[in-house]
Each structure stands twice: as C-alpha cells, then as structure tokens.
Amino acid sequence: MLLGVVAHVAFWLLLLFGITEIGVGRAVLFVVLWGIGYAVSGWLMIGSMLFTSYVAVLDIVLVLLVFKGDVQLR
C-alpha cells in the first residue's frame, strides 16, 4: 500500500516538474490517461491493485520523457 502512495506522488511530482520538458499537451494526455485508469479501476473487483501498477507504468514513461532516458543511479 505504501508503494502505491509512492507511485501516485511520483506521478504528480514528475508531471508538475516535467511539464516544461514534455509540454502542456503531453501533460494533459497523461492526466487524461490517469483519469481513464481511475475510472476503469472502479469497475473491476481488483481494480485498485491494477490501478497502482498502471500508475507505475505511467511513471516509467514520464521518467523516460522528462529525463530523456533512464536515470543513472550513481
């Protein structure tokens, strides 16, 4: 559950700090994709678990777009 919160916080922080890098149009697209995932997760029995994974995938794509590649850890 804690990792789900981390995924959501990372998504919104990446979106806010990366909006100048990815542009407003792509930022709106990511918010729309997040909204679609949120709406669909309510229809499924295990939707909340799937929604967290879905947001994590959106995080990965945002990292690749904002940082123009993978983040170096060292």
N, C-alpha and C. Protein backbone atom coordinates (compact mmCIF):
# COMPACT_ATOMS: atom_id res chain seq x y z
N MET A 1 0.83 -1.19 0.00
CA MET A 1 0.00 0.00 0.00
C MET A 1 0.87 1.25 0.00
N LEU A 2 1.96 1.22 0.75
CA LEU A 2 2.86 2.37 0.79
C LEU A 2 3.48 2.63 -0.58
N LEU A 3 3.82 1.57 -1.30
CA LEU A 3 4.41 1.75 -2.63
C LEU A 3 3.40 2.34 -3.60
N GLY A 4 2.14 2.07 -3.41
CA GLY A 4 1.11 2.69 -4.24
C GLY A 4 1.07 4.19 -4.03
N VAL A 5 1.21 4.61 -2.79
CA VAL A 5 1.25 6.04 -2.49
C VAL A 5 2.49 6.67 -3.12
N VAL A 6 3.61 5.98 -3.05
CA VAL A 6 4.85 6.48 -3.65
C VAL A 6 4.66 6.63 -5.16
N ALA A 7 4.01 5.67 -5.80
CA ALA A 7 3.78 5.74 -7.25
C ALA A 7 2.91 6.94 -7.61
N HIS A 8 1.88 7.20 -6.83
CA HIS A 8 1.00 8.34 -7.11
C HIS A 8 1.70 9.67 -6.87
N VAL A 9 2.45 9.76 -5.79
CA VAL A 9 3.18 11.00 -5.50
C VAL A 9 4.23 11.24 -6.58
N ALA A 10 4.93 10.20 -6.98
CA ALA A 10 5.94 10.33 -8.03
C ALA A 10 5.30 10.78 -9.35
N PHE A 11 4.13 10.25 -9.65
CA PHE A 11 3.45 10.63 -10.89
C PHE A 11 3.16 12.13 -10.90
N TRP A 12 2.54 12.63 -9.84
CA TRP A 12 2.15 14.04 -9.83
C TRP A 12 3.37 14.96 -9.74
N LEU A 13 4.40 14.55 -9.01
CA LEU A 13 5.61 15.38 -8.95
C LEU A 13 6.34 15.41 -10.29
N LEU A 14 6.46 14.25 -10.93
CA LEU A 14 7.08 14.22 -12.25
C LEU A 14 6.28 15.05 -13.24
N LEU A 15 4.98 15.00 -13.15
CA LEU A 15 4.15 15.77 -14.06
C LEU A 15 4.32 17.26 -13.82
N LEU A 16 4.34 17.67 -12.57
CA LEU A 16 4.48 19.10 -12.26
C LEU A 16 5.86 19.63 -12.62
N PHE A 17 6.90 18.90 -12.26
CA PHE A 17 8.24 19.38 -12.52
C PHE A 17 8.67 19.17 -13.97
N GLY A 18 8.04 18.26 -14.69
CA GLY A 18 8.43 17.97 -16.05
C GLY A 18 7.54 18.60 -17.10
N ILE A 19 6.60 19.43 -16.69
CA ILE A 19 5.65 19.99 -17.66
C ILE A 19 6.36 20.88 -18.67
N THR A 20 7.42 21.56 -18.27
CA THR A 20 8.15 22.40 -19.22
C THR A 20 8.94 21.53 -20.21
N GLU A 21 9.35 20.36 -19.77
CA GLU A 21 10.12 19.46 -20.63
C GLU A 21 9.25 18.72 -21.63
N ILE A 22 8.09 18.25 -21.18
CA ILE A 22 7.24 17.43 -22.06
C ILE A 22 6.17 18.25 -22.77
N GLY A 23 5.87 19.43 -22.30
CA GLY A 23 4.85 20.27 -22.91
C GLY A 23 3.49 20.07 -22.27
N VAL A 24 2.66 21.07 -22.45
CA VAL A 24 1.33 21.05 -21.84
C VAL A 24 0.44 19.98 -22.46
N GLY A 25 0.56 19.80 -23.76
CA GLY A 25 -0.28 18.80 -24.44
C GLY A 25 -0.05 17.40 -23.93
N ARG A 26 1.22 17.03 -23.78
CA ARG A 26 1.52 15.70 -23.24
C ARG A 26 1.13 15.59 -21.78
N ALA A 27 1.29 16.67 -21.03
CA ALA A 27 0.88 16.65 -19.62
C ALA A 27 -0.62 16.40 -19.50
N VAL A 28 -1.39 17.06 -20.35
CA VAL A 28 -2.84 16.85 -20.35
C VAL A 28 -3.15 15.41 -20.74
N LEU A 29 -2.41 14.88 -21.71
CA LEU A 29 -2.61 13.48 -22.11
C LEU A 29 -2.37 12.53 -20.94
N PHE A 30 -1.32 12.77 -20.16
CA PHE A 30 -1.05 11.91 -19.01
C PHE A 30 -2.14 12.04 -17.95
N VAL A 31 -2.67 13.23 -17.74
CA VAL A 31 -3.77 13.40 -16.78
C VAL A 31 -5.01 12.67 -17.27
N VAL A 32 -5.28 12.74 -18.57
CA VAL A 32 -6.43 12.02 -19.14
C VAL A 32 -6.24 10.51 -19.00
N LEU A 33 -5.02 10.02 -19.29
CA LEU A 33 -4.75 8.59 -19.12
C LEU A 33 -4.91 8.17 -17.66
N TRP A 34 -4.45 9.00 -16.74
CA TRP A 34 -4.61 8.71 -15.31
C TRP A 34 -6.10 8.65 -14.97
N GLY A 35 -6.87 9.61 -15.48
CA GLY A 35 -8.32 9.63 -15.21
C GLY A 35 -9.04 8.43 -15.77
N ILE A 36 -8.66 8.00 -16.96
CA ILE A 36 -9.26 6.80 -17.55
C ILE A 36 -8.95 5.58 -16.68
N GLY A 37 -7.70 5.47 -16.25
CA GLY A 37 -7.33 4.35 -15.38
C GLY A 37 -8.09 4.36 -14.07
N TYR A 38 -8.27 5.55 -13.52
CA TYR A 38 -9.01 5.68 -12.25
C TYR A 38 -10.48 5.27 -12.45
N ALA A 39 -11.07 5.72 -13.55
CA ALA A 39 -12.48 5.39 -13.80
C ALA A 39 -12.67 3.90 -14.04
N VAL A 40 -11.79 3.30 -14.81
CA VAL A 40 -11.91 1.88 -15.12
C VAL A 40 -11.64 1.01 -13.90
N SER A 41 -10.74 1.46 -13.03
CA SER A 41 -10.40 0.66 -11.85
C SER A 41 -11.59 0.50 -10.91
N GLY A 42 -12.53 1.42 -10.95
CA GLY A 42 -13.73 1.30 -10.12
C GLY A 42 -14.66 0.20 -10.58
N TRP A 43 -14.56 -0.20 -11.82
CA TRP A 43 -15.44 -1.23 -12.37
C TRP A 43 -14.93 -2.64 -12.10
N LEU A 44 -13.65 -2.77 -11.80
CA LEU A 44 -13.06 -4.09 -11.61
C LEU A 44 -12.99 -4.45 -10.13
N MET A 45 -13.08 -5.75 -9.85
CA MET A 45 -13.05 -6.19 -8.46
C MET A 45 -11.68 -5.92 -7.81
N ILE A 46 -10.60 -6.13 -8.55
CA ILE A 46 -9.25 -5.86 -8.01
C ILE A 46 -8.66 -4.62 -8.69
N GLY A 47 -9.51 -3.68 -9.00
CA GLY A 47 -9.11 -2.50 -9.75
C GLY A 47 -8.09 -1.64 -9.04
N SER A 48 -8.16 -1.56 -7.72
CA SER A 48 -7.22 -0.69 -7.00
C SER A 48 -5.79 -1.21 -7.12
N MET A 49 -5.62 -2.53 -7.11
CA MET A 49 -4.28 -3.09 -7.28
C MET A 49 -3.78 -2.88 -8.70
N LEU A 50 -4.67 -3.02 -9.68
CA LEU A 50 -4.28 -2.81 -11.06
C LEU A 50 -3.99 -1.34 -11.34
N PHE A 51 -4.73 -0.46 -10.69
CA PHE A 51 -4.53 0.98 -10.90
C PHE A 51 -3.16 1.43 -10.42
N THR A 52 -2.69 0.86 -9.32
CA THR A 52 -1.35 1.19 -8.82
C THR A 52 -0.29 0.77 -9.82
N SER A 53 -0.43 -0.40 -10.40
CA SER A 53 0.52 -0.85 -11.42
C SER A 53 0.43 0.02 -12.67
N TYR A 54 -0.75 0.42 -13.02
CA TYR A 54 -0.97 1.29 -14.17
C TYR A 54 -0.28 2.64 -13.96
N VAL A 55 -0.40 3.20 -12.77
CA VAL A 55 0.26 4.47 -12.46
C VAL A 55 1.78 4.30 -12.47
N ALA A 56 2.26 3.16 -12.02
CA ALA A 56 3.70 2.89 -12.06
C ALA A 56 4.22 2.87 -13.50
N VAL A 57 3.44 2.30 -14.41
CA VAL A 57 3.84 2.30 -15.82
C VAL A 57 3.84 3.73 -16.37
N LEU A 58 2.84 4.53 -16.00
CA LEU A 58 2.83 5.94 -16.40
C LEU A 58 4.05 6.67 -15.84
N ASP A 59 4.46 6.33 -14.62
CA ASP A 59 5.66 6.91 -14.02
C ASP A 59 6.90 6.59 -14.85
N ILE A 60 7.01 5.35 -15.29
CA ILE A 60 8.18 4.94 -16.07
C ILE A 60 8.24 5.73 -17.37
N VAL A 61 7.11 5.87 -18.03
CA VAL A 61 7.09 6.62 -19.29
C VAL A 61 7.42 8.09 -19.04
N LEU A 62 6.91 8.65 -17.95
CA LEU A 62 7.22 10.04 -17.62
C LEU A 62 8.71 10.23 -17.34
N VAL A 63 9.32 9.31 -16.62
CA VAL A 63 10.75 9.39 -16.36
C VAL A 63 11.53 9.38 -17.66
N LEU A 64 11.16 8.50 -18.57
CA LEU A 64 11.85 8.42 -19.85
C LEU A 64 11.68 9.69 -20.67
N LEU A 65 10.51 10.31 -20.61
CA LEU A 65 10.28 11.54 -21.36
C LEU A 65 10.93 12.75 -20.71
N VAL A 66 10.80 12.88 -19.40
CA VAL A 66 11.32 14.06 -18.70
C VAL A 66 12.84 14.06 -18.68
N PHE A 67 13.44 12.93 -18.38
CA PHE A 67 14.90 12.86 -18.26
C PHE A 67 15.57 12.41 -19.56
N LYS A 68 14.79 12.22 -20.61
CA LYS A 68 15.29 11.80 -21.93
C LYS A 68 16.13 10.54 -21.85
N GLY A 69 15.64 9.58 -21.09
CA GLY A 69 16.33 8.30 -20.92
C GLY A 69 16.20 7.84 -19.50
N ASP A 70 16.89 6.79 -19.21
CA ASP A 70 16.86 6.21 -17.87
C ASP A 70 17.68 7.06 -16.90
N VAL A 71 17.30 7.06 -15.65
CA VAL A 71 18.00 7.82 -14.62
C VAL A 71 19.20 7.00 -14.14
N GLN A 72 20.37 7.61 -14.16
CA GLN A 72 21.58 6.94 -13.65
C GLN A 72 21.58 7.01 -12.13
N LEU A 73 21.80 5.89 -11.49
CA LEU A 73 21.75 5.82 -10.03
C LEU A 73 23.08 6.14 -9.36
N ARG A 74 24.16 6.21 -10.11
CA ARG A 74 25.42 6.59 -9.48
C ARG A 74 26.11 7.69 -10.22
